[in-house]
Amino acid sequence: MKKLLYLLLFLQLPVQAQQILFIGNSLTYMNNMPKMLEYIGKQHGVTIKTKSLCYPNYAIINHINEGKLQKLLAKKQFDYLIIQQGPSSQAEGKKMLVQDGATIKAFCEQYNTKLGYFMVWPSIRYYHTFDKVIENHKSAAKQNNALLFPVGNLWKEYNTYKGKESLYSLDNFHPSTTGSFAAALTIFHQLYPTKNLQQLPFKKYKKWVANEDSFNLLVQLIEKY
C-alpha cells in the first residue's frame, strides 16, 4: 500500500522546469524571443524558464571577456546554454564561432550544461552569403559537439515561398515578430521533437503571426528539422 502511495505522489509531481540561458545580441532579444519560447512551452504543458545575457552588437567573445556569463553559470544551474552572434559567414566569423564556442563549451562542462548554437541569418543586403552562414554554424556545432538550432535553415527555406509574411523587420536584418516566432518554435522543436506542432492553435499566436497560411507553413517546415 505504501509503495502505491509513493508511486501516486511521484506521478503527481510537476516535471522539473528546463532552465535555458541565452547568450547573444539583438537577434535574440528582439521581440523578446526567449519569452516566446516560454509561451510555446506552456501551450504544450512544458515549463521553460529563460535567462538572457544579450546586448547590442555583442559577439561570443564579448560575453567571455565581460565575465557575467561565468559568474551566472557558477551561481545558477542551467540545462542549456544557447549562444548566438552575427551571421558569421566569413572566415573570421567562423573562427570566432569555433574557438569562442569551445571556450564556452568548457564553461558548460564544469556545470553540466548542454551547449547549443542558435544559427541565425544574413541581412537581405548580404543574402548571397546565406550558404556560408549555414555551413559555418554547422561546422562549429560539430567541432564542439554541441546542439544546433537550425533557424537559418528554416529561414532560408521559408523565403522560397512567395506571398508570405516576412521574417525580416523593416531594417531588413532584425527579425519581425514572425521571424522571432519562427526562431522560438524551431528551438522548441529541437528541444522537444516528440511534441506535435500540428496541435498549435493559430489563434493563440496571431499576435506574432497575423497570416494563418504563413503560420501553417512555418509549422510544416519546422517539423522537418
C-alpha atoms as a PDB file:
ATOM      1  CA  MET A   1       0.000   0.000   0.000  1.00  0.00           C
ATOM      2  CA  LYS A   2       2.812   2.409   0.916  1.00  0.00           C
ATOM      3  CA  LYS A   3       4.567   1.715  -2.367  1.00  0.00           C
ATOM      4  CA  LEU A   4       1.370   2.546  -4.240  1.00  0.00           C
ATOM      5  CA  LEU A   5       1.004   5.842  -2.357  1.00  0.00           C
ATOM      6  CA  TYR A   6       4.606   6.779  -3.072  1.00  0.00           C
ATOM      7  CA  LEU A   7       4.067   5.983  -6.751  1.00  0.00           C
ATOM      8  CA  LEU A   8       0.942   8.141  -6.915  1.00  0.00           C
ATOM      9  CA  LEU A   9       2.728  11.032  -5.219  1.00  0.00           C
ATOM     10  CA  PHE A  10       5.631  10.706  -7.652  1.00  0.00           C
ATOM     11  CA  LEU A  11       3.332  10.763 -10.660  1.00  0.00           C
ATOM     12  CA  GLN A  12       1.713  13.970  -9.384  1.00  0.00           C
ATOM     13  CA  LEU A  13       4.999  15.833  -9.036  1.00  0.00           C
ATOM     14  CA  PRO A  14       5.488  18.533 -11.671  1.00  0.00           C
ATOM     15  CA  VAL A  15       8.172  17.960 -14.266  1.00  0.00           C
ATOM     16  CA  GLN A  16      11.269  19.997 -13.444  1.00  0.00           C
ATOM     17  CA  ALA A  17      11.482  23.169 -15.497  1.00  0.00           C
ATOM     18  CA  GLN A  18      14.046  23.409 -18.255  1.00  0.00           C
ATOM     19  CA  GLN A  19      16.422  26.257 -17.440  1.00  0.00           C
ATOM     20  CA  ILE A  20      17.844  27.930 -20.552  1.00  0.00           C
ATOM     21  CA  LEU A  21      20.449  30.691 -20.736  1.00  0.00           C
ATOM     22  CA  PHE A  22      20.637  32.723 -23.952  1.00  0.00           C
ATOM     23  CA  ILE A  23      23.906  34.448 -24.803  1.00  0.00           C
ATOM     24  CA  GLY A  24      23.760  36.778 -27.787  1.00  0.00           C
ATOM     25  CA  ASN A  25      22.708  40.132 -29.145  1.00  0.00           C
ATOM     26  CA  SER A  26      19.705  41.887 -30.651  1.00  0.00           C
ATOM     27  CA  LEU A  27      18.919  38.980 -32.995  1.00  0.00           C
ATOM     28  CA  THR A  28      17.947  37.053 -29.863  1.00  0.00           C
ATOM     29  CA  TYR A  29      16.387  39.748 -27.696  1.00  0.00           C
ATOM     30  CA  MET A  30      14.365  41.400 -30.493  1.00  0.00           C
ATOM     31  CA  ASN A  31      10.638  40.898 -29.817  1.00  0.00           C
ATOM     32  CA  ASN A  32      11.620  39.090 -26.592  1.00  0.00           C
ATOM     33  CA  MET A  33      12.094  35.790 -28.397  1.00  0.00           C
ATOM     34  CA  PRO A  34      13.073  33.805 -25.254  1.00  0.00           C
ATOM     35  CA  LYS A  35       9.689  34.668 -23.721  1.00  0.00           C
ATOM     36  CA  MET A  36       8.017  33.405 -26.889  1.00  0.00           C
ATOM     37  CA  LEU A  37       9.798  30.100 -26.258  1.00  0.00           C
ATOM     38  CA  GLU A  38       8.434  30.021 -22.712  1.00  0.00           C
ATOM     39  CA  TYR A  39       4.915  30.669 -24.040  1.00  0.00           C
ATOM     40  CA  ILE A  40       5.155  27.902 -26.648  1.00  0.00           C
ATOM     41  CA  GLY A  41       6.316  25.516 -23.942  1.00  0.00           C
ATOM     42  CA  LYS A  42       3.357  26.456 -21.763  1.00  0.00           C
ATOM     43  CA  GLN A  43       0.954  25.671 -24.598  1.00  0.00           C
ATOM     44  CA  HIS A  44       2.446  22.164 -24.697  1.00  0.00           C
ATOM     45  CA  GLY A  45       2.369  21.639 -20.939  1.00  0.00           C
ATOM     46  CA  VAL A  46       6.115  22.204 -20.624  1.00  0.00           C
ATOM     47  CA  THR A  47       7.692  24.654 -18.192  1.00  0.00           C
ATOM     48  CA  ILE A  48      10.621  26.539 -19.709  1.00  0.00           C
ATOM     49  CA  LYS A  49      12.426  29.276 -17.810  1.00  0.00           C
ATOM     50  CA  THR A  50      14.839  31.515 -19.669  1.00  0.00           C
ATOM     51  CA  LYS A  51      17.541  33.985 -18.733  1.00  0.00           C
ATOM     52  CA  SER A  52      19.211  36.244 -21.279  1.00  0.00           C
ATOM     53  CA  LEU A  53      22.566  37.975 -21.489  1.00  0.00           C
ATOM     54  CA  CYS A  54      22.036  39.727 -24.812  1.00  0.00           C
ATOM     55  CA  TYR A  55      23.351  43.164 -25.727  1.00  0.00           C
ATOM     56  CA  PRO A  56      23.564  45.193 -28.963  1.00  0.00           C
ATOM     57  CA  ASN A  57      26.397  44.247 -31.329  1.00  0.00           C
ATOM     58  CA  TYR A  58      27.836  41.602 -28.996  1.00  0.00           C
ATOM     59  CA  ALA A  59      29.743  38.589 -30.310  1.00  0.00           C
ATOM     60  CA  ILE A  60      30.530  35.497 -28.238  1.00  0.00           C
ATOM     61  CA  ILE A  61      33.967  36.831 -27.329  1.00  0.00           C
ATOM     62  CA  ASN A  62      32.444  39.987 -25.818  1.00  0.00           C
ATOM     63  CA  HIS A  63      30.439  37.870 -23.382  1.00  0.00           C
ATOM     64  CA  ILE A  64      33.525  35.854 -22.467  1.00  0.00           C
ATOM     65  CA  ASN A  65      35.606  38.973 -21.848  1.00  0.00           C
ATOM     66  CA  GLU A  66      32.878  40.682 -19.849  1.00  0.00           C
ATOM     67  CA  GLY A  67      32.696  37.822 -17.326  1.00  0.00           C
ATOM     68  CA  LYS A  68      28.996  37.989 -16.427  1.00  0.00           C
ATOM     69  CA  LEU A  69      28.443  34.657 -18.164  1.00  0.00           C
ATOM     70  CA  GLN A  70      30.941  32.813 -15.990  1.00  0.00           C
ATOM     71  CA  LYS A  71      29.520  34.297 -12.793  1.00  0.00           C
ATOM     72  CA  LEU A  72      25.978  33.379 -13.781  1.00  0.00           C
ATOM     73  CA  LEU A  73      26.921  29.785 -14.605  1.00  0.00           C
ATOM     74  CA  ALA A  74      28.629  29.435 -11.228  1.00  0.00           C
ATOM     75  CA  LYS A  75      25.613  30.873  -9.439  1.00  0.00           C
ATOM     76  CA  LYS A  76      22.748  29.036 -11.139  1.00  0.00           C
ATOM     77  CA  GLN A  77      22.275  25.670 -12.816  1.00  0.00           C
ATOM     78  CA  PHE A  78      21.168  25.781 -16.454  1.00  0.00           C
ATOM     79  CA  ASP A  79      20.170  22.811 -18.583  1.00  0.00           C
ATOM     80  CA  TYR A  80      21.062  24.558 -21.831  1.00  0.00           C
ATOM     81  CA  LEU A  81      23.238  27.494 -22.833  1.00  0.00           C
ATOM     82  CA  ILE A  82      22.331  28.764 -26.308  1.00  0.00           C
ATOM     83  CA  ILE A  83      24.872  31.060 -27.953  1.00  0.00           C
ATOM     84  CA  GLN A  84      24.330  33.452 -30.852  1.00  0.00           C
ATOM     85  CA  GLN A  85      26.369  36.064 -32.669  1.00  0.00           C
ATOM     86  CA  GLY A  86      26.131  37.754 -36.072  1.00  0.00           C
ATOM     87  CA  PRO A  87      25.770  35.793 -39.325  1.00  0.00           C
ATOM     88  CA  SER A  88      29.492  34.806 -39.278  1.00  0.00           C
ATOM     89  CA  SER A  89      29.700  33.988 -42.973  1.00  0.00           C
ATOM     90  CA  GLN A  90      33.346  34.992 -43.351  1.00  0.00           C
ATOM     91  CA  ALA A  91      36.455  33.098 -42.237  1.00  0.00           C
ATOM     92  CA  GLU A  92      36.953  35.315 -39.174  1.00  0.00           C
ATOM     93  CA  GLY A  93      33.347  34.787 -38.107  1.00  0.00           C
ATOM     94  CA  LYS A  94      33.730  31.030 -38.449  1.00  0.00           C
ATOM     95  CA  LYS A  95      36.893  31.129 -36.354  1.00  0.00           C
ATOM     96  CA  MET A  96      35.013  33.006 -33.627  1.00  0.00           C
ATOM     97  CA  LEU A  97      32.130  30.539 -33.712  1.00  0.00           C
ATOM     98  CA  VAL A  98      34.511  27.606 -33.304  1.00  0.00           C
ATOM     99  CA  GLN A  99      37.152  28.943 -30.925  1.00  0.00           C
ATOM    100  CA  ASP A 100      34.979  31.126 -28.699  1.00  0.00           C
ATOM    101  CA  GLY A 101      32.339  28.420 -28.754  1.00  0.00           C
ATOM    102  CA  ALA A 102      34.962  25.965 -27.478  1.00  0.00           C
ATOM    103  CA  THR A 103      35.741  28.310 -24.597  1.00  0.00           C
ATOM    104  CA  ILE A 104      32.099  28.433 -23.599  1.00  0.00           C
ATOM    105  CA  LYS A 105      31.817  24.667 -24.082  1.00  0.00           C
ATOM    106  CA  ALA A 106      34.496  24.287 -21.419  1.00  0.00           C
ATOM    107  CA  PHE A 107      32.480  26.507 -19.085  1.00  0.00           C
ATOM    108  CA  CYS A 108      29.388  24.391 -19.735  1.00  0.00           C
ATOM    109  CA  GLU A 109      31.197  21.151 -18.929  1.00  0.00           C
ATOM    110  CA  GLN A 110      32.071  22.492 -15.492  1.00  0.00           C
ATOM    111  CA  TYR A 111      28.385  22.909 -14.675  1.00  0.00           C
ATOM    112  CA  ASN A 112      26.760  20.002 -16.557  1.00  0.00           C
ATOM    113  CA  THR A 113      25.114  22.368 -19.043  1.00  0.00           C
ATOM    114  CA  LYS A 114      24.491  21.491 -22.705  1.00  0.00           C
ATOM    115  CA  LEU A 115      25.798  23.950 -25.285  1.00  0.00           C
ATOM    116  CA  GLY A 116      23.730  24.880 -28.326  1.00  0.00           C
ATOM    117  CA  TYR A 117      24.255  27.184 -31.305  1.00  0.00           C
ATOM    118  CA  PHE A 118      21.442  29.457 -32.473  1.00  0.00           C
ATOM    119  CA  MET A 119      22.029  29.586 -36.232  1.00  0.00           C
ATOM    120  CA  VAL A 120      20.938  32.985 -37.497  1.00  0.00           C
ATOM    121  CA  TRP A 121      20.588  34.532 -40.980  1.00  0.00           C
ATOM    122  CA  PRO A 122      22.245  37.292 -43.041  1.00  0.00           C
ATOM    123  CA  SER A 123      20.693  40.648 -43.845  1.00  0.00           C
ATOM    124  CA  ILE A 124      18.907  40.969 -47.168  1.00  0.00           C
ATOM    125  CA  ARG A 125      21.866  43.002 -48.440  1.00  0.00           C
ATOM    126  CA  TYR A 126      24.183  40.038 -47.838  1.00  0.00           C
ATOM    127  CA  TYR A 127      21.665  37.312 -48.614  1.00  0.00           C
ATOM    128  CA  HIS A 128      24.146  35.784 -51.073  1.00  0.00           C
ATOM    129  CA  THR A 129      26.256  34.693 -48.069  1.00  0.00           C
ATOM    130  CA  PHE A 130      23.459  32.531 -46.605  1.00  0.00           C
ATOM    131  CA  ASP A 131      25.035  29.190 -47.530  1.00  0.00           C
ATOM    132  CA  LYS A 132      28.248  30.136 -45.707  1.00  0.00           C
ATOM    133  CA  VAL A 133      26.248  31.204 -42.637  1.00  0.00           C
ATOM    134  CA  ILE A 134      24.632  27.771 -42.539  1.00  0.00           C
ATOM    135  CA  GLU A 135      27.873  25.919 -43.271  1.00  0.00           C
ATOM    136  CA  ASN A 136      29.877  27.745 -40.595  1.00  0.00           C
ATOM    137  CA  HIS A 137      27.282  27.192 -37.878  1.00  0.00           C
ATOM    138  CA  LYS A 138      27.037  23.501 -38.716  1.00  0.00           C
ATOM    139  CA  SER A 139      30.805  23.177 -38.628  1.00  0.00           C
ATOM    140  CA  ALA A 140      31.140  24.965 -35.286  1.00  0.00           C
ATOM    141  CA  ALA A 141      28.427  22.863 -33.654  1.00  0.00           C
ATOM    142  CA  LYS A 142      30.005  19.667 -34.954  1.00  0.00           C
ATOM    143  CA  GLN A 143      33.535  20.580 -33.870  1.00  0.00           C
ATOM    144  CA  ASN A 144      32.375  21.482 -30.372  1.00  0.00           C
ATOM    145  CA  ASN A 145      29.955  18.561 -30.052  1.00  0.00           C
ATOM    146  CA  ALA A 146      27.117  21.000 -29.427  1.00  0.00           C
ATOM    147  CA  LEU A 147      23.442  21.124 -30.296  1.00  0.00           C
ATOM    148  CA  LEU A 148      22.423  23.080 -33.376  1.00  0.00           C
ATOM    149  CA  PHE A 149      19.206  25.063 -33.586  1.00  0.00           C
ATOM    150  CA  PRO A 150      18.880  25.460 -37.377  1.00  0.00           C
ATOM    151  CA  VAL A 151      16.834  28.647 -37.509  1.00  0.00           C
ATOM    152  CA  GLY A 152      18.859  29.791 -40.527  1.00  0.00           C
ATOM    153  CA  ASN A 153      17.916  26.657 -42.486  1.00  0.00           C
ATOM    154  CA  LEU A 154      14.247  27.232 -41.752  1.00  0.00           C
ATOM    155  CA  TRP A 155      14.572  30.949 -42.594  1.00  0.00           C
ATOM    156  CA  LYS A 156      16.090  30.276 -45.996  1.00  0.00           C
ATOM    157  CA  GLU A 157      13.600  27.587 -46.967  1.00  0.00           C
ATOM    158  CA  TYR A 158      10.607  29.663 -45.844  1.00  0.00           C
ATOM    159  CA  ASN A 159      11.786  32.529 -48.057  1.00  0.00           C
ATOM    160  CA  THR A 160      11.459  30.371 -51.172  1.00  0.00           C
ATOM    161  CA  TYR A 161       7.686  30.640 -50.765  1.00  0.00           C
ATOM    162  CA  LYS A 162       6.070  33.770 -52.182  1.00  0.00           C
ATOM    163  CA  GLY A 163       3.349  35.922 -50.675  1.00  0.00           C
ATOM    164  CA  LYS A 164       4.019  35.009 -47.050  1.00  0.00           C
ATOM    165  CA  GLU A 165       4.683  37.221 -44.021  1.00  0.00           C
ATOM    166  CA  SER A 166       8.245  38.465 -43.925  1.00  0.00           C
ATOM    167  CA  LEU A 167      10.618  37.094 -41.324  1.00  0.00           C
ATOM    168  CA  TYR A 168      12.584  40.337 -41.579  1.00  0.00           C
ATOM    169  CA  SER A 169      11.699  43.594 -39.854  1.00  0.00           C
ATOM    170  CA  LEU A 170      11.796  46.913 -41.695  1.00  0.00           C
ATOM    171  CA  ASP A 171      15.590  47.206 -41.375  1.00  0.00           C
ATOM    172  CA  ASN A 172      15.972  44.025 -43.486  1.00  0.00           C
ATOM    173  CA  PHE A 173      18.130  42.324 -40.878  1.00  0.00           C
ATOM    174  CA  HIS A 174      16.473  42.010 -37.486  1.00  0.00           C
ATOM    175  CA  PRO A 175      13.552  39.606 -37.155  1.00  0.00           C
ATOM    176  CA  SER A 176       9.948  40.654 -37.394  1.00  0.00           C
ATOM    177  CA  THR A 177       7.628  39.167 -34.771  1.00  0.00           C
ATOM    178  CA  THR A 178       7.023  36.367 -37.277  1.00  0.00           C
ATOM    179  CA  GLY A 179      10.773  35.841 -37.574  1.00  0.00           C
ATOM    180  CA  SER A 180      11.239  35.702 -33.809  1.00  0.00           C
ATOM    181  CA  PHE A 181       8.330  33.276 -33.500  1.00  0.00           C
ATOM    182  CA  ALA A 182       9.945  31.103 -36.194  1.00  0.00           C
ATOM    183  CA  ALA A 183      13.175  31.079 -34.175  1.00  0.00           C
ATOM    184  CA  ALA A 184      11.406  30.229 -30.912  1.00  0.00           C
ATOM    185  CA  LEU A 185       9.384  27.420 -32.480  1.00  0.00           C
ATOM    186  CA  THR A 186      12.473  25.963 -34.167  1.00  0.00           C
ATOM    187  CA  ILE A 187      14.322  25.925 -30.842  1.00  0.00           C
ATOM    188  CA  PHE A 188      11.326  24.372 -29.095  1.00  0.00           C
ATOM    189  CA  HIS A 189      11.054  21.627 -31.709  1.00  0.00           C
ATOM    190  CA  GLN A 190      14.734  20.740 -31.328  1.00  0.00           C
ATOM    191  CA  LEU A 191      14.354  20.521 -27.552  1.00  0.00           C
ATOM    192  CA  TYR A 192      11.061  18.591 -27.684  1.00  0.00           C
ATOM    193  CA  PRO A 193      10.963  16.742 -31.036  1.00  0.00           C
ATOM    194  CA  THR A 194       8.132  14.436 -29.959  1.00  0.00           C
ATOM    195  CA  LYS A 195       5.713  17.303 -29.346  1.00  0.00           C
ATOM    196  CA  ASN A 196       3.138  17.577 -32.118  1.00  0.00           C
ATOM    197  CA  LEU A 197       3.340  21.087 -33.556  1.00  0.00           C
ATOM    198  CA  GLN A 198       0.193  20.465 -35.579  1.00  0.00           C
ATOM    199  CA  GLN A 199      -1.743  20.923 -32.346  1.00  0.00           C
ATOM    200  CA  LEU A 200      -0.683  24.567 -32.093  1.00  0.00           C
ATOM    201  CA  PRO A 201      -3.828  26.725 -32.281  1.00  0.00           C
ATOM    202  CA  PHE A 202      -3.228  29.617 -34.690  1.00  0.00           C
ATOM    203  CA  LYS A 203      -5.497  31.968 -32.741  1.00  0.00           C
ATOM    204  CA  LYS A 204      -3.113  31.900 -29.757  1.00  0.00           C
ATOM    205  CA  TYR A 205      -0.212  33.103 -31.903  1.00  0.00           C
ATOM    206  CA  LYS A 206      -1.933  35.767 -34.039  1.00  0.00           C
ATOM    207  CA  LYS A 207      -0.206  38.475 -32.007  1.00  0.00           C
ATOM    208  CA  TRP A 208       3.044  37.363 -33.634  1.00  0.00           C
ATOM    209  CA  VAL A 209       1.956  35.817 -36.949  1.00  0.00           C
ATOM    210  CA  ALA A 210      -1.060  37.563 -38.444  1.00  0.00           C
ATOM    211  CA  ASN A 211      -1.467  35.364 -41.519  1.00  0.00           C
ATOM    212  CA  GLU A 212      -2.687  31.796 -40.959  1.00  0.00           C
ATOM    213  CA  ASP A 213      -1.153  30.452 -44.175  1.00  0.00           C
ATOM    214  CA  SER A 214       2.244  31.776 -43.078  1.00  0.00           C
ATOM    215  CA  PHE A 215       1.762  30.215 -39.636  1.00  0.00           C
ATOM    216  CA  ASN A 216       0.860  26.828 -41.107  1.00  0.00           C
ATOM    217  CA  LEU A 217       3.839  26.930 -43.462  1.00  0.00           C
ATOM    218  CA  LEU A 218       6.229  27.637 -40.586  1.00  0.00           C
ATOM    219  CA  VAL A 219       4.840  24.709 -38.599  1.00  0.00           C
ATOM    220  CA  GLN A 220       5.084  22.422 -41.630  1.00  0.00           C
ATOM    221  CA  LEU A 221       8.680  23.363 -42.385  1.00  0.00           C
ATOM    222  CA  ILE A 222       9.929  23.323 -38.789  1.00  0.00           C
ATOM    223  CA  GLU A 223       8.650  19.782 -38.290  1.00  0.00           C
ATOM    224  CA  LYS A 224      11.126  18.673 -40.972  1.00  0.00           C
ATOM    225  CA  TYR A 225      14.161  19.643 -38.893  1.00  0.00           C
END
